[in-house]
N, C-alpha and C. Protein backbone atom coordinates (compact mmCIF):
# COMPACT_ATOMS: atom_id res chain seq x y z
N MET A 1 183.91 -16.56 -18.58
CA MET A 1 182.79 -16.19 -19.43
C MET A 1 183.08 -16.48 -20.90
N SER A 2 184.07 -17.30 -21.16
CA SER A 2 184.40 -17.66 -22.52
C SER A 2 183.18 -18.24 -23.22
N GLY A 3 182.87 -17.71 -24.42
CA GLY A 3 181.72 -18.19 -25.19
C GLY A 3 180.38 -17.73 -24.64
N ALA A 4 180.36 -16.81 -23.70
CA ALA A 4 179.12 -16.34 -23.07
C ALA A 4 178.21 -15.65 -24.08
N ASN A 5 176.90 -15.76 -23.87
CA ASN A 5 175.92 -15.06 -24.69
C ASN A 5 175.41 -13.87 -23.88
N LEU A 6 175.87 -12.69 -24.26
CA LEU A 6 175.48 -11.47 -23.57
C LEU A 6 174.80 -10.50 -24.55
N ASN A 7 174.00 -11.06 -25.47
CA ASN A 7 173.29 -10.22 -26.44
C ASN A 7 172.49 -9.14 -25.73
N GLU A 8 172.65 -7.91 -26.23
CA GLU A 8 171.91 -6.74 -25.74
C GLU A 8 172.06 -6.49 -24.25
N ALA A 9 173.13 -6.98 -23.66
CA ALA A 9 173.39 -6.74 -22.23
C ALA A 9 173.67 -5.26 -22.01
N PHE A 10 173.29 -4.75 -20.87
CA PHE A 10 173.57 -3.37 -20.48
C PHE A 10 174.67 -3.41 -19.44
N LEU A 11 175.90 -3.12 -19.89
CA LEU A 11 177.07 -3.19 -19.01
C LEU A 11 177.83 -1.87 -19.05
N ARG A 12 177.11 -0.78 -19.15
CA ARG A 12 177.74 0.53 -19.22
C ARG A 12 178.60 0.76 -17.98
N GLY A 13 179.86 1.16 -18.23
CA GLY A 13 180.78 1.46 -17.15
C GLY A 13 181.33 0.25 -16.42
N ALA A 14 181.08 -0.94 -16.94
CA ALA A 14 181.53 -2.17 -16.27
C ALA A 14 183.06 -2.27 -16.24
N ASP A 15 183.58 -2.89 -15.19
CA ASP A 15 185.01 -3.14 -15.07
C ASP A 15 185.26 -4.59 -15.49
N LEU A 16 185.72 -4.76 -16.73
CA LEU A 16 185.96 -6.09 -17.29
C LEU A 16 187.44 -6.26 -17.64
N ARG A 17 188.32 -5.61 -16.89
CA ARG A 17 189.75 -5.71 -17.13
C ARG A 17 190.19 -7.17 -17.05
N GLY A 18 190.91 -7.61 -18.08
CA GLY A 18 191.47 -8.95 -18.11
C GLY A 18 190.44 -10.06 -18.27
N ALA A 19 189.20 -9.72 -18.56
CA ALA A 19 188.13 -10.73 -18.69
C ALA A 19 188.39 -11.67 -19.87
N ASN A 20 187.99 -12.93 -19.72
CA ASN A 20 188.07 -13.90 -20.81
C ASN A 20 186.69 -13.96 -21.47
N LEU A 21 186.56 -13.22 -22.58
CA LEU A 21 185.31 -13.20 -23.35
C LEU A 21 185.56 -13.77 -24.74
N HIS A 22 186.50 -14.71 -24.82
CA HIS A 22 186.85 -15.37 -26.08
C HIS A 22 185.60 -16.01 -26.67
N GLY A 23 185.23 -15.60 -27.88
CA GLY A 23 184.08 -16.18 -28.56
C GLY A 23 182.73 -15.73 -28.01
N ALA A 24 182.71 -14.75 -27.13
CA ALA A 24 181.44 -14.29 -26.55
C ALA A 24 180.56 -13.62 -27.60
N ILE A 25 179.27 -13.68 -27.39
CA ILE A 25 178.30 -13.02 -28.26
C ILE A 25 177.73 -11.83 -27.50
N LEU A 26 178.03 -10.64 -28.01
CA LEU A 26 177.62 -9.40 -27.34
C LEU A 26 176.85 -8.49 -28.30
N LYS A 27 176.16 -9.06 -29.25
CA LYS A 27 175.46 -8.25 -30.27
C LYS A 27 174.52 -7.25 -29.61
N GLY A 28 174.66 -5.97 -30.03
CA GLY A 28 173.76 -4.93 -29.56
C GLY A 28 173.95 -4.54 -28.10
N ALA A 29 175.00 -5.02 -27.44
CA ALA A 29 175.23 -4.70 -26.03
C ALA A 29 175.64 -3.25 -25.85
N VAL A 30 175.30 -2.68 -24.71
CA VAL A 30 175.71 -1.33 -24.35
C VAL A 30 176.88 -1.46 -23.39
N LEU A 31 178.06 -1.09 -23.89
CA LEU A 31 179.30 -1.23 -23.12
C LEU A 31 180.05 0.10 -23.04
N SER A 32 179.34 1.19 -23.24
CA SER A 32 179.95 2.52 -23.18
C SER A 32 180.61 2.73 -21.83
N ASP A 33 181.77 3.38 -21.85
CA ASP A 33 182.52 3.72 -20.64
C ASP A 33 183.06 2.50 -19.88
N ALA A 34 182.98 1.31 -20.46
CA ALA A 34 183.47 0.09 -19.81
C ALA A 34 185.00 0.01 -19.93
N ASN A 35 185.62 -0.72 -19.04
CA ASN A 35 187.07 -0.91 -19.06
C ASN A 35 187.37 -2.38 -19.36
N PHE A 36 187.93 -2.62 -20.56
CA PHE A 36 188.28 -3.97 -21.01
C PHE A 36 189.79 -4.16 -21.09
N ALA A 37 190.58 -3.30 -20.46
CA ALA A 37 192.04 -3.36 -20.59
C ALA A 37 192.54 -4.80 -20.39
N GLY A 38 193.32 -5.29 -21.36
CA GLY A 38 193.91 -6.61 -21.27
C GLY A 38 192.95 -7.77 -21.45
N ALA A 39 191.72 -7.53 -21.83
CA ALA A 39 190.72 -8.60 -21.98
C ALA A 39 190.95 -9.42 -23.25
N ASP A 40 190.45 -10.63 -23.26
CA ASP A 40 190.51 -11.54 -24.40
C ASP A 40 189.12 -11.56 -25.05
N LEU A 41 189.01 -10.91 -26.22
CA LEU A 41 187.76 -10.87 -26.97
C LEU A 41 187.95 -11.49 -28.36
N ARG A 42 188.91 -12.41 -28.46
CA ARG A 42 189.13 -13.08 -29.75
C ARG A 42 187.85 -13.77 -30.19
N LEU A 43 187.56 -13.64 -31.48
CA LEU A 43 186.40 -14.30 -32.10
C LEU A 43 185.07 -13.86 -31.51
N ALA A 44 185.05 -12.80 -30.72
CA ALA A 44 183.79 -12.31 -30.13
C ALA A 44 182.93 -11.66 -31.20
N ASN A 45 181.62 -11.75 -31.04
CA ASN A 45 180.68 -11.09 -31.95
C ASN A 45 180.16 -9.85 -31.23
N LEU A 46 180.65 -8.69 -31.69
CA LEU A 46 180.29 -7.40 -31.11
C LEU A 46 179.53 -6.56 -32.13
N THR A 47 178.72 -7.20 -32.95
CA THR A 47 177.95 -6.49 -33.97
C THR A 47 177.02 -5.48 -33.31
N ASN A 48 177.08 -4.25 -33.83
CA ASN A 48 176.19 -3.18 -33.40
C ASN A 48 176.31 -2.85 -31.90
N VAL A 49 177.47 -3.14 -31.31
CA VAL A 49 177.68 -2.86 -29.89
C VAL A 49 178.03 -1.38 -29.69
N LYS A 50 177.72 -0.86 -28.55
CA LYS A 50 178.03 0.52 -28.20
C LYS A 50 179.20 0.52 -27.22
N LEU A 51 180.36 1.02 -27.70
CA LEU A 51 181.58 1.03 -26.91
C LEU A 51 182.17 2.44 -26.82
N GLN A 52 181.33 3.46 -26.87
CA GLN A 52 181.83 4.83 -26.80
C GLN A 52 182.60 5.03 -25.50
N ARG A 53 183.75 5.69 -25.64
CA ARG A 53 184.61 6.05 -24.50
C ARG A 53 185.14 4.83 -23.72
N ALA A 54 184.99 3.65 -24.27
CA ALA A 54 185.48 2.44 -23.59
C ALA A 54 187.00 2.38 -23.63
N ILE A 55 187.58 1.72 -22.64
CA ILE A 55 189.02 1.51 -22.58
C ILE A 55 189.28 0.07 -23.04
N LEU A 56 189.96 -0.06 -24.17
CA LEU A 56 190.26 -1.36 -24.76
C LEU A 56 191.77 -1.49 -25.00
N THR A 57 192.55 -0.91 -24.13
CA THR A 57 194.00 -0.95 -24.24
C THR A 57 194.51 -2.38 -24.06
N ASP A 58 195.39 -2.80 -24.97
CA ASP A 58 196.01 -4.13 -24.93
C ASP A 58 194.99 -5.27 -25.02
N VAL A 59 193.85 -5.03 -25.62
CA VAL A 59 192.80 -6.05 -25.78
C VAL A 59 193.09 -6.90 -27.01
N ASP A 60 192.77 -8.18 -26.92
CA ASP A 60 192.90 -9.09 -28.06
C ASP A 60 191.54 -9.22 -28.71
N LEU A 61 191.40 -8.57 -29.88
CA LEU A 61 190.16 -8.62 -30.66
C LEU A 61 190.42 -9.30 -32.02
N ASN A 62 191.44 -10.15 -32.08
CA ASN A 62 191.74 -10.83 -33.33
C ASN A 62 190.52 -11.65 -33.78
N TYR A 63 190.19 -11.51 -35.05
CA TYR A 63 189.07 -12.22 -35.69
C TYR A 63 187.69 -11.83 -35.13
N ALA A 64 187.61 -10.78 -34.34
CA ALA A 64 186.32 -10.35 -33.77
C ALA A 64 185.46 -9.66 -34.83
N VAL A 65 184.16 -9.72 -34.63
CA VAL A 65 183.21 -9.04 -35.50
C VAL A 65 182.70 -7.81 -34.77
N LEU A 66 183.03 -6.63 -35.32
CA LEU A 66 182.61 -5.35 -34.75
C LEU A 66 181.83 -4.56 -35.79
N GLU A 67 181.09 -5.27 -36.61
CA GLU A 67 180.34 -4.64 -37.69
C GLU A 67 179.32 -3.66 -37.11
N SER A 68 179.32 -2.44 -37.65
CA SER A 68 178.41 -1.36 -37.23
C SER A 68 178.56 -0.99 -35.75
N ALA A 69 179.67 -1.35 -35.13
CA ALA A 69 179.91 -1.01 -33.73
C ALA A 69 180.24 0.48 -33.60
N ASN A 70 179.87 1.06 -32.47
CA ASN A 70 180.20 2.45 -32.19
C ASN A 70 181.32 2.49 -31.16
N LEU A 71 182.52 2.84 -31.64
CA LEU A 71 183.70 2.93 -30.79
C LEU A 71 184.20 4.37 -30.70
N SER A 72 183.31 5.33 -30.91
CA SER A 72 183.70 6.74 -30.88
C SER A 72 184.32 7.08 -29.53
N ASP A 73 185.44 7.80 -29.59
CA ASP A 73 186.15 8.27 -28.40
C ASP A 73 186.72 7.14 -27.54
N ALA A 74 186.77 5.92 -28.05
CA ALA A 74 187.32 4.79 -27.30
C ALA A 74 188.85 4.82 -27.37
N LYS A 75 189.47 4.10 -26.46
CA LYS A 75 190.94 4.01 -26.42
C LYS A 75 191.32 2.55 -26.67
N LEU A 76 191.93 2.30 -27.84
CA LEU A 76 192.33 0.94 -28.22
C LEU A 76 193.85 0.81 -28.36
N THR A 77 194.61 1.63 -27.70
CA THR A 77 196.06 1.60 -27.82
C THR A 77 196.61 0.18 -27.66
N ARG A 78 197.45 -0.21 -28.60
CA ARG A 78 198.13 -1.52 -28.60
C ARG A 78 197.17 -2.72 -28.70
N ALA A 79 195.94 -2.49 -29.07
CA ALA A 79 194.99 -3.60 -29.23
C ALA A 79 195.35 -4.44 -30.45
N GLN A 80 194.94 -5.68 -30.44
CA GLN A 80 195.15 -6.61 -31.55
C GLN A 80 193.82 -6.84 -32.27
N LEU A 81 193.77 -6.44 -33.55
CA LEU A 81 192.54 -6.59 -34.34
C LEU A 81 192.85 -7.27 -35.68
N PHE A 82 193.73 -8.28 -35.65
CA PHE A 82 194.10 -9.00 -36.87
C PHE A 82 192.85 -9.64 -37.47
N GLN A 83 192.60 -9.35 -38.73
CA GLN A 83 191.44 -9.86 -39.50
C GLN A 83 190.10 -9.59 -38.81
N ALA A 84 190.03 -8.54 -38.02
CA ALA A 84 188.76 -8.17 -37.39
C ALA A 84 187.84 -7.55 -38.44
N ASN A 85 186.54 -7.71 -38.26
CA ASN A 85 185.56 -7.14 -39.17
C ASN A 85 184.97 -5.88 -38.53
N LEU A 86 185.39 -4.72 -39.05
CA LEU A 86 184.91 -3.42 -38.56
C LEU A 86 184.11 -2.71 -39.65
N HIS A 87 183.43 -3.49 -40.48
CA HIS A 87 182.62 -2.92 -41.57
C HIS A 87 181.59 -1.94 -40.99
N GLN A 88 181.59 -0.73 -41.50
CA GLN A 88 180.68 0.34 -41.09
C GLN A 88 180.80 0.72 -39.61
N ALA A 89 181.93 0.42 -38.99
CA ALA A 89 182.14 0.80 -37.59
C ALA A 89 182.35 2.31 -37.49
N ARG A 90 181.94 2.87 -36.37
CA ARG A 90 182.13 4.30 -36.09
C ARG A 90 183.31 4.42 -35.12
N LEU A 91 184.40 5.00 -35.66
CA LEU A 91 185.65 5.10 -34.91
C LEU A 91 186.12 6.56 -34.81
N GLY A 92 185.21 7.48 -34.84
CA GLY A 92 185.56 8.90 -34.76
C GLY A 92 186.22 9.24 -33.44
N ARG A 93 187.34 9.94 -33.53
CA ARG A 93 188.10 10.40 -32.36
C ARG A 93 188.63 9.23 -31.51
N THR A 94 188.72 8.07 -32.10
CA THR A 94 189.21 6.88 -31.38
C THR A 94 190.74 6.83 -31.41
N ASP A 95 191.34 6.46 -30.28
CA ASP A 95 192.79 6.30 -30.19
C ASP A 95 193.14 4.88 -30.62
N LEU A 96 193.69 4.78 -31.83
CA LEU A 96 194.11 3.50 -32.40
C LEU A 96 195.62 3.46 -32.57
N SER A 97 196.33 4.17 -31.73
CA SER A 97 197.78 4.22 -31.86
C SER A 97 198.39 2.85 -31.52
N ARG A 98 199.34 2.46 -32.34
CA ARG A 98 200.06 1.19 -32.18
C ARG A 98 199.14 -0.03 -32.20
N VAL A 99 197.99 0.09 -32.84
CA VAL A 99 197.04 -1.02 -32.96
C VAL A 99 197.41 -1.89 -34.16
N ASN A 100 197.22 -3.19 -34.02
CA ASN A 100 197.43 -4.11 -35.14
C ASN A 100 196.09 -4.33 -35.84
N LEU A 101 195.94 -3.69 -37.00
CA LEU A 101 194.73 -3.85 -37.82
C LEU A 101 195.07 -4.59 -39.12
N MET A 102 196.09 -5.44 -39.05
CA MET A 102 196.54 -6.18 -40.23
C MET A 102 195.40 -7.03 -40.80
N GLU A 103 195.13 -6.82 -42.09
CA GLU A 103 194.10 -7.54 -42.84
C GLU A 103 192.69 -7.33 -42.28
N ALA A 104 192.49 -6.25 -41.53
CA ALA A 104 191.16 -5.95 -40.98
C ALA A 104 190.24 -5.41 -42.07
N ASN A 105 188.95 -5.66 -41.92
CA ASN A 105 187.94 -5.11 -42.82
C ASN A 105 187.40 -3.82 -42.21
N LEU A 106 187.79 -2.69 -42.81
CA LEU A 106 187.33 -1.38 -42.36
C LEU A 106 186.51 -0.71 -43.46
N MET A 107 185.88 -1.52 -44.30
CA MET A 107 185.06 -0.97 -45.39
C MET A 107 183.95 -0.09 -44.80
N GLU A 108 183.83 1.12 -45.37
CA GLU A 108 182.79 2.07 -44.99
C GLU A 108 182.87 2.49 -43.52
N ALA A 109 184.00 2.26 -42.87
CA ALA A 109 184.16 2.68 -41.47
C ALA A 109 184.38 4.19 -41.43
N ASN A 110 183.90 4.81 -40.37
CA ASN A 110 184.10 6.24 -40.17
C ASN A 110 185.23 6.44 -39.17
N LEU A 111 186.38 6.92 -39.66
CA LEU A 111 187.56 7.14 -38.85
C LEU A 111 187.88 8.64 -38.76
N THR A 112 186.87 9.47 -38.81
CA THR A 112 187.07 10.92 -38.74
C THR A 112 187.76 11.28 -37.43
N ASP A 113 188.86 12.03 -37.54
CA ASP A 113 189.64 12.48 -36.37
C ASP A 113 190.23 11.34 -35.55
N ALA A 114 190.31 10.12 -36.11
CA ALA A 114 190.92 8.99 -35.40
C ALA A 114 192.43 9.17 -35.35
N TYR A 115 193.03 8.62 -34.31
CA TYR A 115 194.47 8.71 -34.10
C TYR A 115 195.07 7.33 -34.37
N LEU A 116 195.74 7.20 -35.53
CA LEU A 116 196.29 5.92 -35.98
C LEU A 116 197.82 5.95 -36.07
N ALA A 117 198.46 6.78 -35.28
CA ALA A 117 199.92 6.86 -35.32
C ALA A 117 200.53 5.49 -35.00
N ARG A 118 201.46 5.07 -35.83
CA ARG A 118 202.17 3.79 -35.69
C ARG A 118 201.27 2.56 -35.72
N ALA A 119 200.06 2.70 -36.25
CA ALA A 119 199.17 1.54 -36.39
C ALA A 119 199.65 0.67 -37.55
N ASN A 120 199.40 -0.64 -37.44
CA ASN A 120 199.75 -1.57 -38.51
C ASN A 120 198.47 -1.88 -39.29
N LEU A 121 198.38 -1.31 -40.50
CA LEU A 121 197.21 -1.51 -41.36
C LEU A 121 197.57 -2.38 -42.57
N LEU A 122 198.66 -3.13 -42.48
CA LEU A 122 199.12 -3.96 -43.59
C LEU A 122 197.98 -4.83 -44.13
N GLY A 123 197.64 -4.65 -45.41
CA GLY A 123 196.63 -5.47 -46.06
C GLY A 123 195.20 -5.18 -45.63
N ALA A 124 194.97 -4.11 -44.87
CA ALA A 124 193.61 -3.77 -44.43
C ALA A 124 192.76 -3.27 -45.60
N ASN A 125 191.46 -3.45 -45.50
CA ASN A 125 190.53 -2.97 -46.52
C ASN A 125 189.82 -1.73 -45.99
N LEU A 126 190.16 -0.58 -46.58
CA LEU A 126 189.56 0.70 -46.20
C LEU A 126 188.70 1.26 -47.34
N THR A 127 188.15 0.38 -48.17
CA THR A 127 187.30 0.81 -49.27
C THR A 127 186.14 1.65 -48.74
N ASP A 128 185.98 2.84 -49.31
CA ASP A 128 184.89 3.77 -48.96
C ASP A 128 184.91 4.22 -47.50
N ALA A 129 186.04 4.05 -46.81
CA ALA A 129 186.16 4.51 -45.43
C ALA A 129 186.33 6.03 -45.40
N ILE A 130 185.99 6.64 -44.28
CA ILE A 130 186.14 8.08 -44.10
C ILE A 130 187.29 8.30 -43.13
N LEU A 131 188.36 8.93 -43.64
CA LEU A 131 189.56 9.18 -42.84
C LEU A 131 189.80 10.68 -42.66
N CYS A 132 188.77 11.49 -42.74
CA CYS A 132 188.93 12.94 -42.63
C CYS A 132 189.66 13.31 -41.34
N ARG A 133 190.72 14.09 -41.51
CA ARG A 133 191.52 14.59 -40.39
C ARG A 133 192.13 13.48 -39.51
N ALA A 134 192.17 12.25 -40.00
CA ALA A 134 192.79 11.15 -39.24
C ALA A 134 194.30 11.36 -39.20
N GLU A 135 194.90 10.99 -38.10
CA GLU A 135 196.36 11.07 -37.93
C GLU A 135 196.96 9.71 -38.28
N LEU A 136 197.78 9.69 -39.35
CA LEU A 136 198.35 8.43 -39.84
C LEU A 136 199.87 8.42 -39.78
N SER A 137 200.48 9.27 -38.96
CA SER A 137 201.94 9.35 -38.93
C SER A 137 202.56 8.01 -38.53
N SER A 138 203.53 7.59 -39.32
CA SER A 138 204.28 6.34 -39.11
C SER A 138 203.40 5.10 -39.12
N ALA A 139 202.19 5.18 -39.65
CA ALA A 139 201.32 4.00 -39.78
C ALA A 139 201.81 3.16 -40.97
N ASN A 140 201.69 1.85 -40.86
CA ASN A 140 202.04 0.94 -41.96
C ASN A 140 200.82 0.81 -42.86
N LEU A 141 200.91 1.42 -44.05
CA LEU A 141 199.81 1.41 -45.01
C LEU A 141 200.13 0.53 -46.22
N SER A 142 201.06 -0.41 -46.07
CA SER A 142 201.43 -1.30 -47.18
C SER A 142 200.25 -2.18 -47.58
N SER A 143 200.02 -2.28 -48.87
CA SER A 143 198.99 -3.15 -49.45
C SER A 143 197.58 -2.84 -48.93
N VAL A 144 197.33 -1.61 -48.52
CA VAL A 144 196.01 -1.21 -48.03
C VAL A 144 195.11 -0.88 -49.20
N GLU A 145 193.88 -1.36 -49.19
CA GLU A 145 192.88 -1.04 -50.21
C GLU A 145 192.19 0.25 -49.80
N LEU A 146 192.34 1.31 -50.61
CA LEU A 146 191.80 2.62 -50.29
C LEU A 146 190.78 3.12 -51.32
N ARG A 147 190.32 2.26 -52.20
CA ARG A 147 189.40 2.68 -53.26
C ARG A 147 188.16 3.38 -52.67
N GLY A 148 187.95 4.62 -53.11
CA GLY A 148 186.78 5.38 -52.68
C GLY A 148 186.89 5.96 -51.29
N ALA A 149 188.02 5.77 -50.61
CA ALA A 149 188.19 6.29 -49.25
C ALA A 149 188.36 7.80 -49.27
N THR A 150 187.78 8.46 -48.29
CA THR A 150 187.99 9.90 -48.11
C THR A 150 189.23 10.05 -47.24
N MET A 151 190.27 10.65 -47.82
CA MET A 151 191.57 10.75 -47.16
C MET A 151 191.59 11.88 -46.13
N PRO A 152 192.63 11.93 -45.27
CA PRO A 152 192.70 12.95 -44.23
C PRO A 152 192.54 14.40 -44.75
N ASP A 153 193.02 14.65 -45.97
CA ASP A 153 192.89 16.00 -46.53
C ASP A 153 191.55 16.23 -47.23
N GLY A 154 190.65 15.25 -47.19
CA GLY A 154 189.34 15.39 -47.81
C GLY A 154 189.24 14.86 -49.22
N ALA A 155 190.38 14.51 -49.85
CA ALA A 155 190.38 13.99 -51.21
C ALA A 155 189.84 12.55 -51.22
N ILE A 156 189.17 12.19 -52.30
CA ILE A 156 188.66 10.82 -52.48
C ILE A 156 189.71 10.03 -53.25
N HIS A 157 190.12 8.89 -52.69
CA HIS A 157 191.14 8.05 -53.32
C HIS A 157 190.52 7.30 -54.50
N ASP A 158 191.30 7.22 -55.60
CA ASP A 158 190.83 6.49 -56.80
C ASP A 158 190.84 5.00 -56.57
């Protein structure tokens, strides 16, 4: 299914483990409760997709567009999101432990109660992001842009 056009597809609860969706277009698709463990979603367009409670463990989302996507309560452990666009994404209560978010765009993303332990955020853009109560233990925050971000303790970063 590499390069497939699945705009607005309804695939709630689908089993897509190990699927090759490299470059797929899934704008506005409903993928809540789906299992994508080990899938290839590099360069995929997931704008405004619904991925609540989805399993995305070990998924390759490098260079993917997840703008305005809803990933609340999803599990992305060890996922690869190098230079992914997560502008205005909803990531509340999402497990992002050991995720590679190097140089990712997380501007205005909502990461309330997200679990980012040991995540690699090197060079990520978190401008105006909401990180209330987010767990950042042992996360790599080198060169991260935090201007206007709401920090885990509720303070606004200068």
